[in-house]
Structures are given as structure tokens and as C-alpha cells.
C-alpha atoms as a PDB file:
ATOM      1  CA  MET A   1      -9.253   9.931   9.736  1.00  0.00           C
ATOM      2  CA  ASP A   2      -9.272  13.378  11.274  1.00  0.00           C
ATOM      3  CA  TYR A   3      -7.527  14.587  14.420  1.00  0.00           C
ATOM      4  CA  ASN A   4     -10.587  14.360  16.694  1.00  0.00           C
ATOM      5  CA  THR A   5     -11.424  10.816  15.604  1.00  0.00           C
ATOM      6  CA  VAL A   6      -7.881   9.613  16.289  1.00  0.00           C
ATOM      7  CA  PHE A   7      -7.673  11.583  19.560  1.00  0.00           C
ATOM      8  CA  ASN A   8     -10.934  10.067  20.817  1.00  0.00           C
ATOM      9  CA  LYS A   9      -9.836   6.527  19.964  1.00  0.00           C
ATOM     10  CA  VAL A  10      -6.411   7.007  21.579  1.00  0.00           C
ATOM     11  CA  SER A  11      -8.183   8.418  24.649  1.00  0.00           C
ATOM     12  CA  GLU A  12     -10.338   5.282  24.870  1.00  0.00           C
ATOM     13  CA  LEU A  13      -7.242   3.098  24.726  1.00  0.00           C
ATOM     14  CA  ILE A  14      -5.544   5.155  27.448  1.00  0.00           C
ATOM     15  CA  LEU A  15      -8.644   4.962  29.648  1.00  0.00           C
ATOM     16  CA  ALA A  16      -8.635   1.181  29.271  1.00  0.00           C
ATOM     17  CA  GLN A  17      -5.038   1.095  30.565  1.00  0.00           C
ATOM     18  CA  LEU A  18      -4.914   3.695  33.308  1.00  0.00           C
ATOM     19  CA  PRO A  19      -7.065   4.403  36.382  1.00  0.00           C
ATOM     20  CA  ILE A  20      -7.843   7.982  35.357  1.00  0.00           C
ATOM     21  CA  SER A  21     -10.900   9.951  34.291  1.00  0.00           C
ATOM     22  CA  ALA A  22     -11.568  11.043  30.722  1.00  0.00           C
ATOM     23  CA  ASP A  23     -11.258  14.732  31.610  1.00  0.00           C
ATOM     24  CA  GLN A  24      -7.592  14.183  32.491  1.00  0.00           C
ATOM     25  CA  ILE A  25      -6.785  13.296  28.880  1.00  0.00           C
ATOM     26  CA  LYS A  26      -5.940  16.369  26.855  1.00  0.00           C
ATOM     27  CA  PRO A  27      -3.660  16.727  23.824  1.00  0.00           C
ATOM     28  CA  GLU A  28      -0.935  18.223  26.038  1.00  0.00           C
ATOM     29  CA  SER A  29      -1.241  15.514  28.725  1.00  0.00           C
ATOM     30  CA  ARG A  30       2.081  13.763  29.274  1.00  0.00           C
ATOM     31  CA  LEU A  31       1.725  10.001  29.515  1.00  0.00           C
ATOM     32  CA  VAL A  32       4.105   9.486  32.428  1.00  0.00           C
ATOM     33  CA  GLU A  33       4.108  12.772  34.326  1.00  0.00           C
ATOM     34  CA  ASP A  34       0.424  13.731  33.997  1.00  0.00           C
ATOM     35  CA  LEU A  35      -1.388  10.436  33.456  1.00  0.00           C
ATOM     36  CA  GLY A  36       0.786   8.169  35.595  1.00  0.00           C
ATOM     37  CA  ALA A  37       1.705   5.610  32.933  1.00  0.00           C
ATOM     38  CA  ASP A  38       4.671   3.353  33.578  1.00  0.00           C
ATOM     39  CA  SER A  39       6.736   1.471  31.011  1.00  0.00           C
ATOM     40  CA  ALA A  40       4.417  -1.569  31.118  1.00  0.00           C
ATOM     41  CA  ASN A  41       1.348   0.650  30.519  1.00  0.00           C
ATOM     42  CA  ILE A  42       3.062   2.294  27.571  1.00  0.00           C
ATOM     43  CA  MET A  43       4.058  -1.020  25.999  1.00  0.00           C
ATOM     44  CA  ILE A  44       0.495  -2.340  26.294  1.00  0.00           C
ATOM     45  CA  LEU A  45      -0.835   0.950  24.920  1.00  0.00           C
ATOM     46  CA  ILE A  46       1.490   0.653  21.919  1.00  0.00           C
ATOM     47  CA  CYS A  47       0.239  -2.903  21.282  1.00  0.00           C
ATOM     48  CA  ASP A  48      -3.361  -1.690  21.536  1.00  0.00           C
ATOM     49  CA  ILE A  49      -2.626   1.172  19.129  1.00  0.00           C
ATOM     50  CA  GLU A  50      -1.030  -1.226  16.650  1.00  0.00           C
ATOM     51  CA  ASN A  51      -4.087  -3.483  16.778  1.00  0.00           C
ATOM     52  CA  GLU A  52      -6.664  -0.692  16.669  1.00  0.00           C
ATOM     53  CA  PHE A  53      -5.071   1.320  13.868  1.00  0.00           C
ATOM     54  CA  ASP A  54      -3.489  -1.614  12.000  1.00  0.00           C
ATOM     55  CA  VAL A  55      -0.034  -0.038  12.104  1.00  0.00           C
ATOM     56  CA  GLN A  56       3.433  -1.131  13.123  1.00  0.00           C
ATOM     57  CA  VAL A  57       4.877   1.377  15.584  1.00  0.00           C
ATOM     58  CA  ASP A  58       8.572   2.075  15.073  1.00  0.00           C
ATOM     59  CA  ASN A  59      10.801   1.524  18.092  1.00  0.00           C
ATOM     60  CA  ASP A  60      12.273   5.011  17.727  1.00  0.00           C
ATOM     61  CA  MET A  61       8.758   6.440  18.060  1.00  0.00           C
ATOM     62  CA  LEU A  62       8.767   5.448  21.725  1.00  0.00           C
ATOM     63  CA  ALA A  63      11.632   7.833  22.436  1.00  0.00           C
ATOM     64  CA  LYS A  64       9.861  10.709  20.679  1.00  0.00           C
ATOM     65  CA  VAL A  65       6.417  10.342  22.224  1.00  0.00           C
ATOM     66  CA  SER A  66       5.620  11.976  25.531  1.00  0.00           C
ATOM     67  CA  THR A  67       2.137  13.486  25.092  1.00  0.00           C
ATOM     68  CA  VAL A  68      -1.232  12.308  23.815  1.00  0.00           C
ATOM     69  CA  ASP A  69      -0.847  14.805  20.967  1.00  0.00           C
ATOM     70  CA  ASP A  70       2.453  13.160  19.973  1.00  0.00           C
ATOM     71  CA  ILE A  71       0.652   9.832  19.572  1.00  0.00           C
ATOM     72  CA  VAL A  72      -2.190  11.331  17.545  1.00  0.00           C
ATOM     73  CA  LYS A  73       0.188  13.194  15.218  1.00  0.00           C
ATOM     74  CA  TYR A  74       2.272  10.031  14.761  1.00  0.00           C
ATOM     75  CA  LEU A  75      -0.838   8.089  13.742  1.00  0.00           C
ATOM     76  CA  LEU A  76      -1.973  10.805  11.335  1.00  0.00           C
ATOM     77  CA  LYS A  77       1.351  10.699   9.424  1.00  0.00           C
END
């Protein structure tokens, strides 16, 4: 998968979780500060990402991820 494909899918998952508009989601958007996610939103998002991309997200990844770009780059590894 390429960056744009992963970014678009992650954006869809974020939109399903948060009451925001699609134009608010940019690679540099911070999940908590810019998009208003709380810890419950992030945990559900991680579960959705695991299901959608058939991956197991490492617990230490949660500490490293703050932006949409961080998630996309993690999934591309």
C-alpha cells in the first residue's frame, strides 16, 4: 500500500470516531490537541486500525504516536 491509500483509510477510521470534518484531518493533525480525541477514542481507533489493516499494534506505539502521519508511517513499516 502507498502513503495516500493508508492515509485515506486512517482518515475514514478517524472520521468514524470523532465529530469532525474530513478537512480537519491532515498528516500533521495531532489526535488529541487538534482533533479532540480522548483516550477512549484512541483505544477504539487502535482496535479499528488492527482490524482494518490486520496488524497487532505494539503498546509502545501508543506513546510514540501523536499525529495522523505517525499512524500512517507506523502502518507502512
